Amino acid sequence: MDEATAGRDGPNLREKAYDRFTHHLLARDIRPGQFVSQRQLMELTGLSLAAIRELVPRLESEGLIRTVPQRGMQIAHVDLNLIRDAFQFRLFMEREAVAIFTAEASDAALARLRQDHESIVAEAAVHEESITPDLVARAQAVDWDLHWTIIAFLGNAIIADAYRVNSIKVRLIRQEQTLLSEALIMPVMREHLAVIEAIETRDPAKAVAAIDAHINSARSRALGLR
């Protein structure tokens, strides 16, 4: 595909390049701190040099890569600064979002969240000695879904996009240190159920306190303090 073709494809090609890059990043085909070239990104994504050249400025602006002269492009490091910044961002965003969600979300939405979590807890309790990778994956999806449901409820595209980018960074952190595991399923699900219980009171202050406790707990795990 040449430059002219890339230009005609426009936003679709740019989104395809971005989606393929983030897919491979979260699949750990490329790792935090790794140096990559444009040629390697072409091979990884199966897209043209023109597409990669359009992709790079977006990745740089989102802090997912940085260009180092004479060395190439470096995937974001997982370090103390990234952990601090990513979790501080979550606290700022999710405190306000959960307060609004608590006051305005439907009973049906809350019931779905509770059912999803209680289902994971019940299955984990039954299979405590032999938790399967499938259960871990489903628990991780339920984990992410709670937070995204609260943020998406705001109906604010600017916040949603910023939160999505930060979520990629949090998932990089979790891959390195705190990705949900067999041992973490029950503690994390219980923390989430405490958040849901606080939301069910329809008291925003209680919900904010619960989300604070949960995010700070996750940050402590990322820092190796728990």
Protein backbone atom coordinates (compact mmCIF):
# COMPACT_ATOMS: atom_id res chain seq x y z
CA MET A 1 0.00 0.00 0.00
CA ASP A 2 1.46 3.37 -0.98
CA GLU A 3 1.07 6.86 0.48
CA ALA A 4 -1.80 7.72 -1.86
CA THR A 5 -3.74 4.61 -0.86
CA ALA A 6 -3.12 5.37 2.81
CA GLY A 7 -4.47 8.85 2.32
CA ARG A 8 -7.63 7.59 0.64
CA ASP A 9 -8.28 5.09 3.43
CA GLY A 10 -7.93 7.91 5.96
CA PRO A 11 -9.44 7.35 9.41
CA ASN A 12 -10.19 3.65 8.84
CA LEU A 13 -6.54 2.85 8.19
CA ARG A 14 -5.39 4.94 11.14
CA GLU A 15 -7.82 3.21 13.48
CA LYS A 16 -6.85 -0.21 12.14
CA ALA A 17 -3.17 0.55 12.76
CA TYR A 18 -3.91 1.79 16.28
CA ASP A 19 -6.11 -1.20 17.13
CA ARG A 20 -3.53 -3.67 15.88
CA PHE A 21 -0.74 -1.98 17.79
CA THR A 22 -2.65 -1.93 21.09
CA HIS A 23 -3.78 -5.53 20.56
CA HIS A 24 -0.18 -6.71 20.21
CA LEU A 25 0.92 -4.50 23.09
CA LEU A 26 -1.65 -5.96 25.48
CA ALA A 27 -1.01 -9.47 24.15
CA ARG A 28 2.63 -8.94 25.21
CA ASP A 29 3.97 -9.43 21.69
CA ILE A 30 5.85 -6.23 22.46
CA ARG A 31 6.89 -5.34 26.00
CA PRO A 32 7.13 -2.17 28.09
CA GLY A 33 10.55 -0.58 27.60
CA GLN A 34 11.27 -2.50 24.40
CA PHE A 35 12.77 -0.65 21.42
CA VAL A 36 11.03 -1.17 18.09
CA SER A 37 11.58 0.15 14.58
CA GLN A 38 8.99 1.22 12.04
CA ARG A 39 9.92 -1.90 10.06
CA GLN A 40 9.18 -4.11 13.07
CA LEU A 41 5.83 -2.41 13.57
CA MET A 42 5.03 -3.04 9.90
CA GLU A 43 5.78 -6.74 10.34
CA LEU A 44 3.85 -6.91 13.61
CA THR A 45 0.70 -5.20 12.36
CA GLY A 46 0.83 -6.29 8.72
CA LEU A 47 0.30 -2.68 7.65
CA SER A 48 2.21 -0.35 5.38
CA LEU A 49 4.97 2.09 6.24
CA ALA A 50 2.54 4.92 5.48
CA ALA A 51 0.11 3.58 8.09
CA ILE A 52 2.86 3.24 10.68
CA ARG A 53 4.07 6.78 10.02
CA GLU A 54 0.55 8.05 10.67
CA LEU A 55 0.29 5.92 13.80
CA VAL A 56 3.48 7.07 15.52
CA PRO A 57 2.46 10.67 16.36
CA ARG A 58 -0.73 9.43 18.04
CA LEU A 59 1.17 6.87 20.12
CA GLU A 60 3.68 9.54 21.13
CA SER A 61 0.94 12.00 22.11
CA GLU A 62 -0.73 9.32 24.25
CA GLY A 63 2.55 8.41 25.95
CA LEU A 64 2.51 4.82 24.69
CA ILE A 65 5.84 5.22 22.90
CA ARG A 66 8.67 7.74 22.76
CA THR A 67 11.17 8.29 19.97
CA VAL A 68 14.81 8.03 21.02
CA PRO A 69 17.32 9.42 18.49
CA GLN A 70 19.58 6.76 16.94
CA ARG A 71 17.75 3.96 18.77
CA GLY A 72 14.19 4.00 17.48
CA MET A 73 10.91 3.97 19.30
CA GLN A 74 10.60 2.78 22.87
CA ILE A 75 7.43 1.32 24.33
CA ALA A 76 6.31 3.04 27.56
CA HIS A 77 8.24 1.94 30.64
CA VAL A 78 6.43 0.46 33.61
CA ASP A 79 8.08 2.39 36.44
CA LEU A 80 7.14 4.25 39.61
CA ASN A 81 6.23 7.39 37.69
CA LEU A 82 3.83 5.52 35.40
CA ILE A 83 2.21 3.73 38.36
CA ARG A 84 1.81 6.99 40.29
CA ASP A 85 0.44 8.93 37.34
CA ALA A 86 -1.92 6.23 36.05
CA PHE A 87 -3.51 5.52 39.42
CA GLN A 88 -3.76 9.20 40.34
CA PHE A 89 -5.61 9.73 37.05
CA ARG A 90 -7.98 6.88 37.93
CA LEU A 91 -8.72 8.38 41.32
CA PHE A 92 -9.50 11.79 39.86
CA MET A 93 -11.78 10.37 37.16
CA GLU A 94 -13.51 7.57 39.03
CA ARG A 95 -14.36 9.55 42.18
CA GLU A 96 -16.53 11.98 40.27
CA ALA A 97 -17.87 9.33 37.91
CA VAL A 98 -18.93 6.95 40.70
CA ALA A 99 -20.70 9.79 42.55
CA ILE A 100 -22.83 10.52 39.46
CA PHE A 101 -23.34 6.82 38.74
CA THR A 102 -24.53 6.26 42.32
CA ALA A 103 -27.12 8.99 42.06
CA GLU A 104 -28.41 8.24 38.57
CA ALA A 105 -27.74 4.65 37.44
CA SER A 106 -30.73 2.35 37.10
CA ASP A 107 -31.46 -0.46 39.51
CA ALA A 108 -31.15 -2.85 36.56
CA ALA A 109 -27.58 -1.68 35.86
CA LEU A 110 -26.61 -2.24 39.48
CA ALA A 111 -28.29 -5.65 39.52
CA ARG A 112 -26.29 -6.71 36.45
CA LEU A 113 -23.02 -5.66 38.01
CA ARG A 114 -23.82 -7.50 41.24
CA GLN A 115 -24.89 -10.64 39.39
CA ASP A 116 -21.71 -10.67 37.28
CA HIS A 117 -19.51 -10.41 40.37
CA GLU A 118 -21.44 -12.87 42.51
CA SER A 119 -21.31 -15.41 39.69
CA ILE A 120 -17.50 -15.20 39.61
CA VAL A 121 -17.26 -15.43 43.41
CA ALA A 122 -19.56 -18.46 43.52
CA GLU A 123 -17.62 -20.29 40.82
CA ALA A 124 -14.26 -19.43 42.39
CA ALA A 125 -15.46 -20.72 45.76
CA VAL A 126 -16.53 -24.05 44.25
CA HIS A 127 -13.28 -24.49 42.31
CA GLU A 128 -10.96 -22.87 44.86
CA GLU A 129 -8.26 -25.52 44.43
CA SER A 130 -8.46 -25.69 40.64
CA ILE A 131 -9.28 -22.26 39.24
CA THR A 132 -9.06 -22.42 35.46
CA PRO A 133 -7.49 -19.86 33.10
CA ASP A 134 -10.98 -19.36 31.64
CA LEU A 135 -12.34 -18.30 35.03
CA VAL A 136 -9.40 -15.94 35.53
CA ALA A 137 -10.07 -14.38 32.11
CA ARG A 138 -13.78 -13.96 32.87
CA ALA A 139 -13.00 -12.45 36.26
CA GLN A 140 -10.61 -9.99 34.59
CA ALA A 141 -13.34 -9.00 32.12
CA VAL A 142 -15.80 -8.43 34.98
CA ASP A 143 -13.14 -6.38 36.79
CA TRP A 144 -12.60 -4.06 33.82
CA ASP A 145 -16.30 -3.89 33.02
CA LEU A 146 -17.22 -2.38 36.39
CA HIS A 147 -14.86 0.54 35.96
CA TRP A 148 -15.71 1.11 32.30
CA THR A 149 -19.46 0.99 33.03
CA ILE A 150 -19.07 3.75 35.62
CA ILE A 151 -16.96 5.93 33.30
CA ALA A 152 -19.12 5.31 30.21
CA PHE A 153 -22.24 6.30 32.15
CA LEU A 154 -21.04 9.92 32.05
CA GLY A 155 -21.66 10.01 28.31
CA ASN A 156 -18.60 12.22 27.87
CA ALA A 157 -16.50 11.25 24.84
CA ILE A 158 -13.48 13.32 25.93
CA ILE A 159 -13.34 11.66 29.35
CA ALA A 160 -14.00 8.23 27.88
CA ASP A 161 -11.13 8.56 25.39
CA ALA A 162 -8.68 9.81 28.02
CA TYR A 163 -9.75 7.02 30.39
CA ARG A 164 -9.32 4.44 27.62
CA VAL A 165 -5.72 5.52 27.02
CA ASN A 166 -4.98 5.46 30.73
CA SER A 167 -6.56 2.00 30.94
CA ILE A 168 -4.03 0.72 28.40
CA LYS A 169 -1.25 1.98 30.67
CA VAL A 170 -2.87 0.40 33.74
CA ARG A 171 -3.15 -2.88 31.88
CA LEU A 172 0.56 -2.68 31.05
CA ILE A 173 1.24 -2.22 34.75
CA ARG A 174 -1.00 -5.14 35.61
CA GLN A 175 0.70 -7.36 33.06
CA GLU A 176 4.02 -6.69 34.71
CA GLN A 177 2.89 -6.81 38.33
CA THR A 178 -0.79 -7.11 39.16
CA LEU A 179 -2.70 -8.88 36.39
CA LEU A 180 -5.59 -10.68 38.01
CA SER A 181 -4.51 -14.18 39.07
CA GLU A 182 -6.01 -17.15 40.88
CA ALA A 183 -4.94 -15.73 44.23
CA LEU A 184 -6.37 -12.28 43.49
CA ILE A 185 -9.80 -13.24 42.16
CA MET A 186 -11.56 -13.40 45.53
CA PRO A 187 -9.94 -10.29 47.11
CA VAL A 188 -10.58 -8.15 44.03
CA MET A 189 -14.15 -9.40 43.57
CA ARG A 190 -14.84 -8.64 47.25
CA GLU A 191 -13.46 -5.14 46.82
CA HIS A 192 -15.71 -4.67 43.82
CA LEU A 193 -18.73 -5.99 45.69
CA ALA A 194 -17.98 -3.45 48.44
CA VAL A 195 -18.05 -0.72 45.77
CA ILE A 196 -21.33 -2.07 44.37
CA GLU A 197 -22.84 -2.26 47.87
CA ALA A 198 -21.86 1.36 48.49
CA ILE A 199 -23.40 2.40 45.16
CA GLU A 200 -26.60 0.55 46.07
CA THR A 201 -27.02 2.80 49.13
CA ARG A 202 -27.40 5.70 46.66
CA ASP A 203 -25.05 7.69 48.89
CA PRO A 204 -22.34 9.23 46.65
CA ALA A 205 -19.98 9.82 49.60
CA LYS A 206 -20.02 6.13 50.49
CA ALA A 207 -19.44 5.14 46.88
CA VAL A 208 -16.50 7.55 46.55
CA ALA A 209 -14.94 6.13 49.73
CA ALA A 210 -15.35 2.59 48.41
CA ILE A 211 -13.80 3.35 45.01
CA ASP A 212 -10.96 5.18 46.76
CA ALA A 213 -10.24 2.11 48.88
CA HIS A 214 -10.30 -0.20 45.87
CA ILE A 215 -8.06 1.93 43.62
CA ASN A 216 -5.59 2.54 46.44
CA SER A 217 -5.50 -1.20 47.08
CA ALA A 218 -4.75 -1.84 43.40
CA ARG A 219 -2.02 0.80 43.48
CA SER A 220 -0.45 -0.84 46.52
CA ARG A 221 -0.39 -4.17 44.68
CA ALA A 222 1.28 -2.48 41.72
CA LEU A 223 3.91 -1.03 44.04
CA GLY A 224 4.48 -4.40 45.69
CA LEU A 225 3.17 -3.20 49.03
CA ARG A 226 0.50 -5.91 49.31
